[in-house]
Amino acid sequence: MRIIIVLIVLSVCIWACAAPENKTETISGIEIYKTRCVSCHGTDGKMGMNGAKELPSSPLDASQRIEVVTYGRKIMPAFKEMLSKEEIKAVVDFTFTLK
């Protein structure tokens, strides 16, 4: 009887540890910006290192910014191989919050 109980408890523990989580990971535009963009654009988007444009005053709309981040421009590298489309959109959305 004890062996059956131990086997049941062990089975439940194994099942619980192996069960996939149903969490959807949220993509943080601010985290991507901090790791990929701050060195040239600065924390407020106004630093302008290496010719980087000031993001708060940029006339580019979202689709134009997505294109620049995806394919790069001048010295800015293309991020299409480094970031997913969702990550690029998240960081572009974040750039509109910079003041």
N, C-alpha and C. Protein backbone atom coordinates (compact mmCIF):
# COMPACT_ATOMS: atom_id res chain seq x y z
N MET A 1 0.82 -1.20 0.00
CA MET A 1 0.00 0.00 0.00
C MET A 1 0.87 1.27 0.00
N ARG A 2 1.91 1.25 0.82
CA ARG A 2 2.80 2.42 0.87
C ARG A 2 3.46 2.67 -0.48
N ILE A 3 3.82 1.60 -1.13
CA ILE A 3 4.48 1.73 -2.43
C ILE A 3 3.54 2.40 -3.43
N ILE A 4 2.27 2.06 -3.41
CA ILE A 4 1.28 2.66 -4.32
C ILE A 4 1.14 4.15 -4.03
N ILE A 5 1.07 4.51 -2.75
CA ILE A 5 0.94 5.92 -2.38
C ILE A 5 2.19 6.70 -2.81
N VAL A 6 3.36 6.13 -2.56
CA VAL A 6 4.60 6.78 -2.97
C VAL A 6 4.65 6.95 -4.48
N LEU A 7 4.24 5.93 -5.22
CA LEU A 7 4.21 6.03 -6.68
C LEU A 7 3.23 7.08 -7.16
N ILE A 8 2.09 7.19 -6.53
CA ILE A 8 1.10 8.20 -6.91
C ILE A 8 1.65 9.60 -6.64
N VAL A 9 2.21 9.81 -5.46
CA VAL A 9 2.79 11.11 -5.11
C VAL A 9 3.92 11.46 -6.06
N LEU A 10 4.77 10.50 -6.34
CA LEU A 10 5.87 10.72 -7.27
C LEU A 10 5.37 11.06 -8.67
N SER A 11 4.35 10.36 -9.12
CA SER A 11 3.76 10.63 -10.43
C SER A 11 3.18 12.03 -10.50
N VAL A 12 2.48 12.44 -9.45
CA VAL A 12 1.91 13.79 -9.42
C VAL A 12 3.01 14.84 -9.44
N CYS A 13 4.07 14.62 -8.69
CA CYS A 13 5.19 15.58 -8.68
C CYS A 13 5.84 15.68 -10.06
N ILE A 14 6.06 14.56 -10.68
CA ILE A 14 6.66 14.56 -12.02
C ILE A 14 5.74 15.26 -13.01
N TRP A 15 4.45 14.97 -12.95
CA TRP A 15 3.48 15.61 -13.84
C TRP A 15 3.45 17.12 -13.62
N ALA A 16 3.47 17.54 -12.35
CA ALA A 16 3.41 18.98 -12.05
C ALA A 16 4.66 19.70 -12.55
N CYS A 17 5.81 19.07 -12.43
CA CYS A 17 7.05 19.70 -12.88
C CYS A 17 7.15 19.75 -14.40
N ALA A 18 6.55 18.79 -15.06
CA ALA A 18 6.65 18.71 -16.51
C ALA A 18 5.54 19.46 -17.23
N ALA A 19 4.53 19.90 -16.51
CA ALA A 19 3.40 20.59 -17.15
C ALA A 19 3.86 21.92 -17.72
N PRO A 20 3.53 22.21 -18.98
CA PRO A 20 3.93 23.49 -19.57
C PRO A 20 3.17 24.64 -18.93
N GLU A 21 3.86 25.76 -18.82
CA GLU A 21 3.21 26.95 -18.27
C GLU A 21 2.41 27.63 -19.36
N ASN A 22 1.30 28.20 -18.99
CA ASN A 22 0.44 28.89 -19.94
C ASN A 22 0.66 30.40 -19.92
N LYS A 23 1.83 30.82 -19.46
CA LYS A 23 2.13 32.25 -19.40
C LYS A 23 2.56 32.73 -20.78
N THR A 24 2.04 33.86 -21.17
CA THR A 24 2.53 34.47 -22.40
C THR A 24 3.54 35.53 -21.99
N GLU A 25 4.71 35.45 -22.58
CA GLU A 25 5.76 36.38 -22.25
C GLU A 25 5.47 37.73 -22.88
N THR A 26 5.53 38.77 -22.08
CA THR A 26 5.31 40.10 -22.64
C THR A 26 6.66 40.65 -23.09
N ILE A 27 6.63 41.28 -24.21
CA ILE A 27 7.84 41.86 -24.76
C ILE A 27 7.95 43.29 -24.24
N SER A 28 9.07 43.60 -23.65
CA SER A 28 9.26 44.92 -23.05
C SER A 28 10.10 45.80 -23.97
N GLY A 29 9.43 46.78 -24.56
CA GLY A 29 10.13 47.73 -25.41
C GLY A 29 11.19 48.50 -24.66
N ILE A 30 10.91 48.83 -23.40
CA ILE A 30 11.88 49.59 -22.61
C ILE A 30 13.13 48.76 -22.35
N GLU A 31 12.98 47.47 -22.10
CA GLU A 31 14.15 46.62 -21.86
C GLU A 31 15.00 46.48 -23.14
N ILE A 32 14.33 46.33 -24.26
CA ILE A 32 15.06 46.25 -25.53
C ILE A 32 15.78 47.57 -25.78
N TYR A 33 15.09 48.68 -25.56
CA TYR A 33 15.69 50.00 -25.74
C TYR A 33 16.92 50.16 -24.85
N LYS A 34 16.81 49.74 -23.59
CA LYS A 34 17.93 49.87 -22.66
C LYS A 34 19.14 49.07 -23.11
N THR A 35 18.93 47.90 -23.68
CA THR A 35 20.06 47.06 -24.07
C THR A 35 20.60 47.36 -25.46
N ARG A 36 19.74 47.86 -26.37
CA ARG A 36 20.16 48.01 -27.76
C ARG A 36 20.32 49.46 -28.23
N CYS A 37 19.64 50.40 -27.58
CA CYS A 37 19.53 51.75 -28.16
C CYS A 37 20.15 52.86 -27.32
N VAL A 38 20.23 52.67 -26.01
CA VAL A 38 20.68 53.73 -25.10
C VAL A 38 22.07 54.24 -25.43
N SER A 39 22.96 53.37 -25.88
CA SER A 39 24.34 53.79 -26.10
C SER A 39 24.46 54.91 -27.13
N CYS A 40 23.55 54.99 -28.09
CA CYS A 40 23.58 56.06 -29.09
C CYS A 40 22.48 57.10 -28.87
N HIS A 41 21.29 56.65 -28.52
CA HIS A 41 20.15 57.57 -28.40
C HIS A 41 20.00 58.14 -27.00
N GLY A 42 20.63 57.53 -25.99
CA GLY A 42 20.52 58.00 -24.61
C GLY A 42 19.22 57.56 -23.96
N THR A 43 19.16 57.70 -22.64
CA THR A 43 17.98 57.23 -21.90
C THR A 43 16.72 58.01 -22.25
N ASP A 44 16.90 59.27 -22.65
CA ASP A 44 15.73 60.09 -23.00
C ASP A 44 15.54 60.23 -24.50
N GLY A 45 16.37 59.54 -25.29
CA GLY A 45 16.26 59.59 -26.75
C GLY A 45 16.87 60.82 -27.38
N LYS A 46 17.61 61.62 -26.59
CA LYS A 46 18.14 62.89 -27.10
C LYS A 46 19.66 62.95 -27.17
N MET A 47 20.35 61.84 -26.91
CA MET A 47 21.81 61.90 -26.81
C MET A 47 22.48 62.16 -28.15
N GLY A 48 22.09 61.51 -29.20
CA GLY A 48 22.63 61.77 -30.52
C GLY A 48 24.06 61.33 -30.76
N MET A 49 24.53 60.29 -30.07
CA MET A 49 25.88 59.78 -30.30
C MET A 49 25.97 59.17 -31.69
N ASN A 50 27.11 59.31 -32.34
CA ASN A 50 27.36 58.71 -33.65
C ASN A 50 26.34 59.14 -34.70
N GLY A 51 25.78 60.31 -34.55
CA GLY A 51 24.81 60.80 -35.53
C GLY A 51 23.38 60.32 -35.30
N ALA A 52 23.13 59.69 -34.15
CA ALA A 52 21.78 59.20 -33.85
C ALA A 52 20.81 60.37 -33.76
N LYS A 53 19.64 60.19 -34.31
CA LYS A 53 18.62 61.24 -34.30
C LYS A 53 17.98 61.33 -32.93
N GLU A 54 17.49 62.53 -32.60
CA GLU A 54 16.75 62.72 -31.36
C GLU A 54 15.35 62.16 -31.57
N LEU A 55 15.03 61.14 -30.83
CA LEU A 55 13.77 60.42 -31.05
C LEU A 55 12.52 61.22 -30.68
N PRO A 56 12.53 62.01 -29.59
CA PRO A 56 11.30 62.74 -29.26
C PRO A 56 10.85 63.72 -30.34
N SER A 57 11.78 64.26 -31.11
CA SER A 57 11.43 65.24 -32.13
C SER A 57 11.41 64.64 -33.54
N SER A 58 11.52 63.33 -33.63
CA SER A 58 11.55 62.67 -34.94
C SER A 58 10.18 62.79 -35.63
N PRO A 59 10.19 63.16 -36.92
CA PRO A 59 8.94 63.25 -37.67
C PRO A 59 8.44 61.89 -38.19
N LEU A 60 9.22 60.82 -37.97
CA LEU A 60 8.85 59.51 -38.49
C LEU A 60 7.65 58.92 -37.75
N ASP A 61 6.74 58.31 -38.51
CA ASP A 61 5.61 57.63 -37.89
C ASP A 61 6.05 56.20 -37.53
N ALA A 62 5.15 55.42 -36.96
CA ALA A 62 5.48 54.08 -36.48
C ALA A 62 6.01 53.17 -37.60
N SER A 63 5.36 53.17 -38.74
CA SER A 63 5.81 52.28 -39.82
C SER A 63 7.19 52.69 -40.34
N GLN A 64 7.47 53.97 -40.38
CA GLN A 64 8.79 54.43 -40.82
C GLN A 64 9.87 54.07 -39.79
N ARG A 65 9.53 54.19 -38.51
CA ARG A 65 10.49 53.82 -37.47
C ARG A 65 10.75 52.32 -37.49
N ILE A 66 9.70 51.53 -37.72
CA ILE A 66 9.87 50.08 -37.82
C ILE A 66 10.83 49.75 -38.96
N GLU A 67 10.70 50.44 -40.07
CA GLU A 67 11.59 50.21 -41.22
C GLU A 67 13.03 50.56 -40.86
N VAL A 68 13.24 51.67 -40.17
CA VAL A 68 14.60 52.08 -39.80
C VAL A 68 15.21 51.06 -38.83
N VAL A 69 14.44 50.64 -37.84
CA VAL A 69 14.97 49.67 -36.87
C VAL A 69 15.22 48.33 -37.56
N THR A 70 14.35 47.93 -38.44
CA THR A 70 14.49 46.65 -39.12
C THR A 70 15.69 46.63 -40.06
N TYR A 71 15.81 47.65 -40.90
CA TYR A 71 16.84 47.64 -41.96
C TYR A 71 18.03 48.55 -41.69
N GLY A 72 17.98 49.34 -40.64
CA GLY A 72 19.08 50.24 -40.31
C GLY A 72 19.08 51.49 -41.17
N ARG A 73 19.95 52.40 -40.82
CA ARG A 73 20.10 53.65 -41.59
C ARG A 73 21.46 54.26 -41.23
N LYS A 74 22.22 54.59 -42.24
CA LYS A 74 23.57 55.15 -42.08
C LYS A 74 24.36 54.26 -41.12
N ILE A 75 24.79 54.79 -39.98
CA ILE A 75 25.61 54.00 -39.06
C ILE A 75 24.77 53.07 -38.17
N MET A 76 23.47 53.31 -38.10
CA MET A 76 22.60 52.47 -37.26
C MET A 76 22.47 51.08 -37.89
N PRO A 77 22.74 50.04 -37.10
CA PRO A 77 22.66 48.68 -37.65
C PRO A 77 21.23 48.23 -37.89
N ALA A 78 21.07 47.26 -38.75
CA ALA A 78 19.77 46.63 -38.97
C ALA A 78 19.54 45.62 -37.84
N PHE A 79 18.34 45.60 -37.31
CA PHE A 79 18.03 44.70 -36.22
C PHE A 79 17.15 43.53 -36.65
N LYS A 80 16.93 43.36 -37.95
CA LYS A 80 16.04 42.30 -38.43
C LYS A 80 16.53 40.91 -38.07
N GLU A 81 17.83 40.73 -37.93
CA GLU A 81 18.38 39.42 -37.56
C GLU A 81 18.52 39.26 -36.05
N MET A 82 18.42 40.37 -35.31
CA MET A 82 18.62 40.32 -33.85
C MET A 82 17.32 40.34 -33.06
N LEU A 83 16.29 40.97 -33.63
CA LEU A 83 15.02 41.12 -32.92
C LEU A 83 13.88 40.57 -33.77
N SER A 84 12.87 40.06 -33.10
CA SER A 84 11.67 39.60 -33.82
C SER A 84 10.85 40.81 -34.24
N LYS A 85 9.88 40.60 -35.10
CA LYS A 85 9.00 41.70 -35.52
C LYS A 85 8.27 42.28 -34.32
N GLU A 86 7.87 41.41 -33.39
CA GLU A 86 7.16 41.86 -32.19
C GLU A 86 8.07 42.71 -31.30
N GLU A 87 9.34 42.31 -31.19
CA GLU A 87 10.29 43.08 -30.39
C GLU A 87 10.57 44.44 -31.03
N ILE A 88 10.69 44.46 -32.34
CA ILE A 88 10.91 45.73 -33.05
C ILE A 88 9.73 46.65 -32.83
N LYS A 89 8.51 46.12 -32.96
CA LYS A 89 7.31 46.94 -32.73
C LYS A 89 7.27 47.46 -31.29
N ALA A 90 7.64 46.60 -30.34
CA ALA A 90 7.62 47.00 -28.93
C ALA A 90 8.60 48.15 -28.67
N VAL A 91 9.81 48.07 -29.23
CA VAL A 91 10.78 49.14 -29.00
C VAL A 91 10.36 50.41 -29.73
N VAL A 92 9.78 50.28 -30.90
CA VAL A 92 9.29 51.46 -31.63
C VAL A 92 8.16 52.12 -30.83
N ASP A 93 7.24 51.33 -30.33
CA ASP A 93 6.16 51.89 -29.50
C ASP A 93 6.73 52.63 -28.30
N PHE A 94 7.78 52.06 -27.70
CA PHE A 94 8.41 52.73 -26.55
C PHE A 94 9.00 54.07 -26.95
N THR A 95 9.57 54.18 -28.15
CA THR A 95 10.21 55.44 -28.54
C THR A 95 9.22 56.60 -28.58
N PHE A 96 7.95 56.30 -28.77
CA PHE A 96 6.95 57.38 -28.78
C PHE A 96 6.65 57.91 -27.38
N THR A 97 7.12 57.22 -26.34
CA THR A 97 6.89 57.69 -24.97
C THR A 97 8.00 58.62 -24.51
N LEU A 98 9.09 58.68 -25.26
CA LEU A 98 10.23 59.53 -24.87
C LEU A 98 9.87 61.00 -25.04
N LYS A 99 10.21 61.79 -24.06
CA LYS A 99 9.90 63.22 -24.09
C LYS A 99 11.17 64.04 -23.93
